[in-house]
C-alpha cells in the first residue's frame, strides 16, 4: 500500500499468480491529497527455483491496468505502463487484467509511484516569497549606495 502526502511514495505489490483470463486486484493505494499515480505491471518470463529447476512462464496478452475508487472505475491503461493523473483524496484499488496464453500460469507485480500535485496556493506562496526577497535585495542595495 502506498500513501501520498508530502513526497513521492514508491511501492511494489505482492506477486499475484494468474492463469487463463484474469482480473486480479494487485494493491490498495491511499491518497491523502491531489496526486498522480504512475507505474508498470511486470510479469515473469522465466525463473530458476530453489532446486535449480528452470521454469518458463506463459506470455500475457491484452494486459490492462484499471484503477477503482469505492467500486467505481476511475480509469484504465493498456500495456505494461500506466498513469492516472489528478487523483483526489481517498482509497484506490489497482487491478490488472489480461489473458495468460498457452494454458499456463504467470505472476504479475505492480511497481508504482504516488506523487503529490502542487496546489495553486503553493505556486502563489513561491511567487510571493520571491517578490519579498527581491524587495529586500533592492532595499539593501539602496542602503549601501
N, C-alpha and C. Protein backbone atom coordinates (compact mmCIF):
# COMPACT_ATOMS: atom_id res chain seq x y z
N UNK A 1 0.85 -1.17 0.00
CA UNK A 1 0.00 0.00 0.00
C UNK A 1 0.89 1.23 0.00
N UNK A 2 0.55 2.24 -0.79
CA UNK A 2 1.28 3.49 -0.83
C UNK A 2 0.38 4.61 -0.30
N UNK A 3 1.00 5.57 0.36
CA UNK A 3 0.28 6.72 0.87
C UNK A 3 0.97 7.98 0.37
N UNK A 4 0.23 8.86 -0.31
CA UNK A 4 0.80 10.10 -0.81
C UNK A 4 0.43 11.24 0.12
N UNK A 5 1.42 12.00 0.53
CA UNK A 5 1.12 13.19 1.31
C UNK A 5 2.11 14.28 0.94
N UNK A 6 3.31 14.28 1.52
CA UNK A 6 4.26 15.34 1.28
C UNK A 6 5.21 15.05 0.13
N UNK A 7 5.61 13.82 -0.07
CA UNK A 7 6.56 13.49 -1.11
C UNK A 7 6.14 12.26 -1.88
N UNK A 8 6.95 11.92 -2.88
CA UNK A 8 6.66 10.74 -3.69
C UNK A 8 6.80 9.48 -2.86
N UNK A 9 5.91 8.54 -3.08
CA UNK A 9 5.93 7.26 -2.39
C UNK A 9 6.01 6.15 -3.43
N UNK A 10 7.08 5.35 -3.37
CA UNK A 10 7.24 4.23 -4.30
C UNK A 10 6.80 2.95 -3.60
N UNK A 11 6.11 2.08 -4.32
CA UNK A 11 5.63 0.83 -3.75
C UNK A 11 5.66 -0.28 -4.78
N UNK A 12 5.67 -1.50 -4.29
CA UNK A 12 5.59 -2.70 -5.12
C UNK A 12 4.53 -3.61 -4.53
N UNK A 13 3.64 -4.12 -5.37
CA UNK A 13 2.60 -5.03 -4.88
C UNK A 13 3.19 -6.42 -4.66
N UNK A 14 2.48 -7.23 -3.92
CA UNK A 14 2.86 -8.64 -3.77
C UNK A 14 2.60 -9.34 -5.11
N UNK A 15 3.40 -10.33 -5.48
CA UNK A 15 3.15 -11.05 -6.74
C UNK A 15 1.80 -11.78 -6.68
N UNK A 16 1.09 -11.75 -7.79
CA UNK A 16 -0.19 -12.45 -7.88
C UNK A 16 -0.10 -13.52 -8.97
N UNK A 17 -0.44 -14.76 -8.63
CA UNK A 17 -0.45 -15.86 -9.58
C UNK A 17 -1.71 -15.77 -10.43
N UNK A 18 -1.53 -15.77 -11.76
CA UNK A 18 -2.67 -15.67 -12.66
C UNK A 18 -2.63 -16.79 -13.70
N UNK A 19 -3.82 -17.22 -14.13
CA UNK A 19 -3.96 -18.22 -15.18
C UNK A 19 -5.15 -17.84 -16.05
N UNK A 20 -5.17 -18.31 -17.30
CA UNK A 20 -6.31 -18.07 -18.19
C UNK A 20 -6.63 -16.60 -18.32
N UNK A 21 -7.91 -16.27 -18.48
CA UNK A 21 -8.35 -14.88 -18.45
C UNK A 21 -8.39 -14.45 -17.00
N UNK A 22 -7.76 -13.35 -16.68
CA UNK A 22 -7.71 -12.93 -15.28
C UNK A 22 -8.08 -11.47 -15.11
N UNK A 23 -8.58 -11.14 -13.95
CA UNK A 23 -8.85 -9.79 -13.48
C UNK A 23 -8.47 -9.81 -12.01
N UNK A 24 -7.28 -9.33 -11.68
CA UNK A 24 -6.67 -9.55 -10.38
C UNK A 24 -6.40 -8.23 -9.65
N UNK A 25 -6.89 -8.11 -8.41
CA UNK A 25 -6.53 -6.97 -7.57
C UNK A 25 -5.06 -7.09 -7.18
N UNK A 26 -4.31 -5.99 -7.32
CA UNK A 26 -2.88 -6.03 -7.02
C UNK A 26 -2.51 -5.24 -5.77
N UNK A 27 -3.15 -4.09 -5.57
CA UNK A 27 -2.73 -3.24 -4.45
C UNK A 27 -3.82 -2.24 -4.09
N UNK A 28 -3.74 -1.77 -2.86
CA UNK A 28 -4.58 -0.67 -2.39
C UNK A 28 -3.69 0.55 -2.23
N UNK A 29 -4.15 1.69 -2.73
CA UNK A 29 -3.36 2.92 -2.70
C UNK A 29 -4.18 3.98 -1.96
N UNK A 30 -3.63 4.51 -0.86
CA UNK A 30 -4.28 5.60 -0.13
C UNK A 30 -3.67 6.93 -0.58
N UNK A 31 -4.52 7.83 -1.03
CA UNK A 31 -4.09 9.15 -1.49
C UNK A 31 -4.65 10.19 -0.52
N UNK A 32 -3.75 11.01 0.04
CA UNK A 32 -4.17 11.99 1.04
C UNK A 32 -4.42 13.38 0.47
N UNK A 33 -4.04 13.61 -0.76
CA UNK A 33 -4.25 14.89 -1.42
C UNK A 33 -4.10 14.70 -2.91
N UNK A 34 -4.33 15.74 -3.70
CA UNK A 34 -4.26 15.66 -5.14
C UNK A 34 -2.92 15.04 -5.56
N UNK A 35 -2.97 13.91 -6.29
CA UNK A 35 -1.75 13.16 -6.63
C UNK A 35 -1.86 12.50 -8.00
N UNK A 36 -0.69 12.08 -8.51
CA UNK A 36 -0.59 11.28 -9.73
C UNK A 36 -0.10 9.90 -9.35
N UNK A 37 -0.57 8.90 -10.07
CA UNK A 37 -0.14 7.51 -9.86
C UNK A 37 0.43 7.00 -11.18
N UNK A 38 1.72 6.63 -11.18
CA UNK A 38 2.37 6.11 -12.38
C UNK A 38 3.11 4.83 -12.03
N UNK A 39 3.25 3.94 -13.02
CA UNK A 39 3.99 2.72 -12.74
C UNK A 39 3.98 1.74 -13.88
N UNK A 40 4.39 0.51 -13.55
CA UNK A 40 4.45 -0.57 -14.53
C UNK A 40 3.86 -1.84 -13.93
N UNK A 41 3.36 -2.69 -14.81
CA UNK A 41 2.96 -4.04 -14.43
C UNK A 41 4.01 -4.97 -15.03
N UNK A 42 4.71 -5.67 -14.18
CA UNK A 42 5.72 -6.63 -14.63
C UNK A 42 5.17 -8.03 -14.51
N UNK A 43 5.67 -8.91 -15.37
CA UNK A 43 5.30 -10.32 -15.26
C UNK A 43 6.50 -11.19 -15.57
N UNK A 44 6.43 -12.39 -15.09
CA UNK A 44 7.52 -13.35 -15.17
C UNK A 44 7.73 -13.84 -16.59
N UNK A 45 9.00 -13.96 -16.99
CA UNK A 45 9.33 -14.56 -18.27
C UNK A 45 9.91 -15.95 -18.02
N UNK A 46 10.88 -16.02 -17.12
CA UNK A 46 11.44 -17.32 -16.71
C UNK A 46 12.05 -17.16 -15.32
N UNK A 47 12.24 -18.26 -14.65
CA UNK A 47 12.78 -18.23 -13.30
C UNK A 47 13.49 -19.55 -13.02
N UNK A 48 14.35 -19.51 -12.01
CA UNK A 48 15.02 -20.72 -11.54
C UNK A 48 14.59 -20.94 -10.10
N UNK A 49 14.04 -22.13 -9.82
CA UNK A 49 13.58 -22.44 -8.48
C UNK A 49 14.73 -22.74 -7.53
N UNK A 50 14.40 -22.91 -6.26
CA UNK A 50 15.40 -23.18 -5.23
C UNK A 50 16.17 -24.47 -5.52
N UNK A 51 15.54 -25.42 -6.20
CA UNK A 51 16.21 -26.69 -6.52
C UNK A 51 17.09 -26.58 -7.76
N UNK A 52 17.06 -25.40 -8.41
CA UNK A 52 17.84 -25.23 -9.63
C UNK A 52 17.05 -25.52 -10.90
N UNK A 53 15.81 -25.93 -10.75
CA UNK A 53 14.97 -26.22 -11.91
C UNK A 53 14.55 -24.91 -12.58
N UNK A 54 14.62 -24.87 -13.91
CA UNK A 54 14.21 -23.69 -14.67
C UNK A 54 12.73 -23.78 -15.03
N UNK A 55 12.05 -22.66 -14.93
CA UNK A 55 10.64 -22.58 -15.28
C UNK A 55 10.46 -21.48 -16.32
N UNK A 56 9.60 -21.72 -17.28
CA UNK A 56 9.25 -20.71 -18.26
C UNK A 56 7.77 -20.40 -18.10
N UNK A 57 7.46 -19.14 -17.86
CA UNK A 57 6.07 -18.75 -17.68
C UNK A 57 5.43 -18.49 -19.04
N UNK A 58 4.13 -18.59 -19.09
CA UNK A 58 3.39 -18.32 -20.32
C UNK A 58 3.26 -16.82 -20.52
N UNK A 59 3.34 -16.35 -21.77
CA UNK A 59 3.20 -14.91 -22.02
C UNK A 59 1.79 -14.41 -21.71
N UNK A 60 1.69 -13.11 -21.48
CA UNK A 60 0.40 -12.47 -21.19
C UNK A 60 0.02 -11.55 -22.35
N UNK A 61 -1.21 -11.66 -22.81
CA UNK A 61 -1.73 -10.80 -23.88
C UNK A 61 -2.80 -9.88 -23.31
N UNK A 62 -3.02 -8.76 -23.98
CA UNK A 62 -4.10 -7.81 -23.64
C UNK A 62 -3.99 -7.31 -22.20
N UNK A 63 -2.79 -7.02 -21.75
CA UNK A 63 -2.60 -6.55 -20.37
C UNK A 63 -3.22 -5.16 -20.20
N UNK A 64 -4.08 -5.04 -19.21
CA UNK A 64 -4.77 -3.78 -18.91
C UNK A 64 -4.69 -3.51 -17.41
N UNK A 65 -4.42 -2.26 -17.06
CA UNK A 65 -4.42 -1.83 -15.66
C UNK A 65 -5.65 -0.97 -15.43
N UNK A 66 -6.37 -1.23 -14.35
CA UNK A 66 -7.56 -0.46 -14.01
C UNK A 66 -7.42 0.10 -12.60
N UNK A 67 -7.99 1.27 -12.39
CA UNK A 67 -7.97 1.91 -11.08
C UNK A 67 -9.41 2.16 -10.64
N UNK A 68 -9.75 1.71 -9.44
CA UNK A 68 -11.09 1.85 -8.88
C UNK A 68 -11.04 2.65 -7.59
N UNK A 69 -12.11 3.39 -7.34
CA UNK A 69 -12.30 4.09 -6.06
C UNK A 69 -13.71 3.79 -5.60
N UNK A 70 -13.84 3.09 -4.47
CA UNK A 70 -15.15 2.74 -3.96
C UNK A 70 -15.96 1.91 -4.94
N UNK A 71 -15.32 1.06 -5.71
CA UNK A 71 -16.01 0.23 -6.68
C UNK A 71 -16.28 0.89 -8.01
N UNK A 72 -16.02 2.20 -8.14
CA UNK A 72 -16.25 2.91 -9.39
C UNK A 72 -14.94 3.01 -10.18
N UNK A 73 -14.99 2.65 -11.45
CA UNK A 73 -13.82 2.70 -12.32
C UNK A 73 -13.39 4.15 -12.51
N UNK A 74 -12.10 4.42 -12.24
CA UNK A 74 -11.55 5.77 -12.39
C UNK A 74 -10.76 5.92 -13.68
N UNK A 75 -10.26 4.80 -14.23
CA UNK A 75 -9.51 4.86 -15.48
C UNK A 75 -8.86 3.53 -15.79
N UNK A 76 -8.44 3.37 -17.05
CA UNK A 76 -7.73 2.17 -17.49
C UNK A 76 -6.54 2.58 -18.34
N UNK A 77 -5.56 1.68 -18.42
CA UNK A 77 -4.40 1.87 -19.28
C UNK A 77 -4.04 0.51 -19.86
N UNK A 78 -3.69 0.47 -21.14
CA UNK A 78 -3.31 -0.79 -21.77
C UNK A 78 -1.79 -0.85 -21.90
N UNK A 79 -1.27 -2.07 -21.88
CA UNK A 79 0.18 -2.25 -21.94
C UNK A 79 0.77 -2.38 -20.55
N UNK A 80 2.08 -2.35 -20.50
CA UNK A 80 2.75 -2.59 -19.22
C UNK A 80 2.98 -1.34 -18.38
N UNK A 81 2.68 -0.15 -18.91
CA UNK A 81 2.83 1.08 -18.12
C UNK A 81 1.47 1.74 -17.93
N UNK A 82 1.36 2.52 -16.85
CA UNK A 82 0.11 3.23 -16.58
C UNK A 82 0.39 4.57 -15.91
N UNK A 83 -0.52 5.51 -16.14
CA UNK A 83 -0.50 6.82 -15.49
C UNK A 83 -1.95 7.23 -15.23
N UNK A 84 -2.23 7.56 -13.98
CA UNK A 84 -3.53 8.10 -13.60
C UNK A 84 -3.25 9.44 -12.93
N UNK A 85 -3.77 10.52 -13.50
CA UNK A 85 -3.43 11.88 -13.06
C UNK A 85 -4.54 12.52 -12.25
N UNK A 86 -4.11 13.46 -11.40
CA UNK A 86 -5.01 14.32 -10.63
C UNK A 86 -6.03 13.53 -9.82
N UNK A 87 -5.55 12.56 -9.07
CA UNK A 87 -6.42 11.77 -8.20
C UNK A 87 -6.70 12.54 -6.92
N UNK A 88 -7.95 12.59 -6.52
CA UNK A 88 -8.31 13.23 -5.26
C UNK A 88 -8.05 12.31 -4.08
N UNK A 89 -8.23 12.82 -2.89
CA UNK A 89 -8.02 12.02 -1.67
C UNK A 89 -8.95 10.82 -1.66
N UNK A 90 -8.46 9.71 -1.10
CA UNK A 90 -9.28 8.52 -0.99
C UNK A 90 -8.46 7.25 -1.10
N UNK A 91 -9.16 6.13 -1.03
CA UNK A 91 -8.54 4.82 -1.16
C UNK A 91 -8.88 4.25 -2.53
N UNK A 92 -7.85 3.86 -3.26
CA UNK A 92 -7.99 3.33 -4.61
C UNK A 92 -7.53 1.88 -4.65
N UNK A 93 -8.07 1.11 -5.61
CA UNK A 93 -7.65 -0.27 -5.84
C UNK A 93 -7.05 -0.37 -7.23
N UNK A 94 -5.86 -0.97 -7.32
CA UNK A 94 -5.17 -1.15 -8.58
C UNK A 94 -5.35 -2.60 -9.04
N UNK A 95 -5.87 -2.79 -10.25
CA UNK A 95 -6.17 -4.12 -10.79
C UNK A 95 -5.44 -4.33 -12.10
N UNK A 96 -5.11 -5.58 -12.40
CA UNK A 96 -4.55 -5.97 -13.69
C UNK A 96 -5.44 -7.04 -14.30
N UNK A 97 -5.63 -6.97 -15.62
CA UNK A 97 -6.40 -8.00 -16.31
C UNK A 97 -5.70 -8.33 -17.62
N UNK A 98 -6.00 -9.49 -18.13
CA UNK A 98 -5.40 -9.94 -19.38
C UNK A 98 -5.66 -11.40 -19.61
N UNK A 99 -4.87 -11.99 -20.50
CA UNK A 99 -5.02 -13.40 -20.87
C UNK A 99 -3.66 -14.06 -20.85
N UNK A 100 -3.51 -15.09 -19.99
CA UNK A 100 -2.30 -15.89 -19.98
C UNK A 100 -2.43 -16.89 -21.12
N UNK A 101 -1.48 -16.85 -22.04
CA UNK A 101 -1.56 -17.69 -23.24
C UNK A 101 -1.03 -19.09 -22.99
N UNK A 102 -1.47 -20.03 -23.80
CA UNK A 102 -0.94 -21.39 -23.77
C UNK A 102 -1.41 -22.25 -22.62
N UNK A 103 -2.42 -21.82 -21.89
CA UNK A 103 -2.94 -22.64 -20.80
C UNK A 103 -2.01 -22.72 -19.60
N UNK A 104 -1.04 -21.83 -19.52
CA UNK A 104 -0.06 -21.87 -18.42
C UNK A 104 -0.41 -20.92 -17.29
N UNK A 105 0.64 -20.44 -16.62
CA UNK A 105 0.49 -19.54 -15.49
C UNK A 105 1.50 -18.41 -15.62
N UNK A 106 1.33 -17.39 -14.78
CA UNK A 106 2.30 -16.32 -14.69
C UNK A 106 2.10 -15.60 -13.37
N UNK A 107 3.06 -14.75 -13.04
CA UNK A 107 2.99 -13.89 -11.86
C UNK A 107 2.97 -12.45 -12.34
N UNK A 108 2.09 -11.62 -11.77
CA UNK A 108 2.09 -10.19 -12.10
C UNK A 108 2.40 -9.39 -10.84
N UNK A 109 3.14 -8.31 -11.04
CA UNK A 109 3.56 -7.44 -9.95
C UNK A 109 3.42 -5.99 -10.42
N UNK A 110 2.86 -5.14 -9.59
CA UNK A 110 2.78 -3.71 -9.91
C UNK A 110 3.86 -2.97 -9.14
N UNK A 111 4.59 -2.12 -9.85
CA UNK A 111 5.54 -1.19 -9.24
C UNK A 111 5.06 0.20 -9.58
N UNK A 112 4.88 1.04 -8.58
CA UNK A 112 4.27 2.34 -8.85
C UNK A 112 4.75 3.41 -7.90
N UNK A 113 4.55 4.66 -8.33
CA UNK A 113 4.87 5.85 -7.53
C UNK A 113 3.62 6.70 -7.41
N UNK A 114 3.40 7.23 -6.23
CA UNK A 114 2.34 8.20 -6.00
C UNK A 114 3.03 9.52 -5.70
N UNK A 115 2.80 10.53 -6.55
CA UNK A 115 3.45 11.83 -6.37
C UNK A 115 2.39 12.91 -6.21
N UNK A 116 2.55 13.75 -5.19
CA UNK A 116 1.58 14.83 -4.99
C UNK A 116 1.67 15.88 -6.10
N UNK A 117 0.53 16.45 -6.45
CA UNK A 117 0.45 17.53 -7.43
C UNK A 117 0.44 18.83 -6.64
N UNK A 118 1.37 19.77 -6.93
CA UNK A 118 1.36 21.04 -6.20
C UNK A 118 0.04 21.79 -6.43
N UNK A 119 -0.49 22.33 -5.37
CA UNK A 119 -1.74 23.09 -5.47
C UNK A 119 -1.42 24.53 -5.88
N UNK A 120 -2.35 25.24 -6.49
CA UNK A 120 -2.09 26.62 -6.93
C UNK A 120 -1.59 27.52 -5.79
N UNK A 121 -2.04 27.28 -4.58
CA UNK A 121 -1.59 28.09 -3.45
C UNK A 121 -0.09 27.96 -3.23
N UNK A 122 0.46 26.79 -3.53
CA UNK A 122 1.90 26.57 -3.38
C UNK A 122 2.68 27.48 -4.33
N UNK A 123 2.21 27.57 -5.57
CA UNK A 123 2.88 28.45 -6.54
C UNK A 123 2.72 29.91 -6.14
N UNK A 124 1.55 30.28 -5.64
CA UNK A 124 1.33 31.66 -5.20
C UNK A 124 2.27 32.02 -4.06
N UNK A 125 2.44 31.11 -3.11
CA UNK A 125 3.36 31.37 -1.99
C UNK A 125 4.81 31.47 -2.48
N UNK A 126 5.19 30.66 -3.45
CA UNK A 126 6.54 30.71 -4.00
C UNK A 126 6.78 32.06 -4.66
N UNK A 127 5.84 32.51 -5.48
CA UNK A 127 5.99 33.81 -6.15
C UNK A 127 6.01 34.95 -5.15
N UNK A 128 5.16 34.89 -4.13
CA UNK A 128 5.15 35.93 -3.10
C UNK A 128 6.49 35.96 -2.37
N UNK A 129 7.05 34.81 -2.05
CA UNK A 129 8.34 34.74 -1.38
C UNK A 129 9.46 35.30 -2.23
N UNK A 130 9.44 35.00 -3.53
CA UNK A 130 10.45 35.57 -4.43
C UNK A 130 10.31 37.08 -4.53
N UNK A 131 9.08 37.57 -4.55
CA UNK A 131 8.85 39.02 -4.58
C UNK A 131 9.40 39.69 -3.34
N UNK A 132 9.17 39.11 -2.17
CA UNK A 132 9.68 39.68 -0.92
C UNK A 132 11.21 39.68 -0.93
N UNK A 133 11.82 38.60 -1.42
CA UNK A 133 13.28 38.54 -1.50
C UNK A 133 13.82 39.63 -2.42
N UNK A 134 13.11 39.90 -3.53
CA UNK A 134 13.52 40.96 -4.46
C UNK A 134 13.45 42.33 -3.81
N UNK A 135 12.38 42.59 -3.05
CA UNK A 135 12.23 43.88 -2.36
C UNK A 135 13.35 44.04 -1.32
N UNK A 136 13.63 43.01 -0.56
CA UNK A 136 14.71 43.08 0.44
C UNK A 136 16.05 43.35 -0.22
N UNK A 137 16.34 42.67 -1.32
CA UNK A 137 17.61 42.85 -2.02
C UNK A 137 17.72 44.27 -2.56
N UNK A 138 16.62 44.81 -3.08
CA UNK A 138 16.63 46.18 -3.61
C UNK A 138 16.86 47.20 -2.51
N UNK A 139 16.22 47.01 -1.36
CA UNK A 139 16.40 47.94 -0.24
C UNK A 139 17.84 47.90 0.27
N UNK A 140 18.42 46.73 0.34
CA UNK A 140 19.81 46.62 0.79
C UNK A 140 20.75 47.33 -0.19
N UNK A 141 20.46 47.17 -1.46
CA UNK A 141 21.31 47.79 -2.49
C UNK A 141 21.23 49.32 -2.38
N UNK A 142 19.99 49.86 -2.15
CA UNK A 142 19.82 51.30 -2.00
C UNK A 142 20.49 51.80 -0.73
N UNK A 143 20.43 51.00 0.36
CA UNK A 143 21.03 51.42 1.63
C UNK A 143 22.56 51.47 1.53
N UNK A 144 23.16 50.63 0.70
CA UNK A 144 24.61 50.62 0.53
C UNK A 144 25.09 51.78 -0.35
N UNK A 145 24.21 52.30 -1.19
CA UNK A 145 24.63 53.35 -2.13
C UNK A 145 24.65 54.71 -1.50
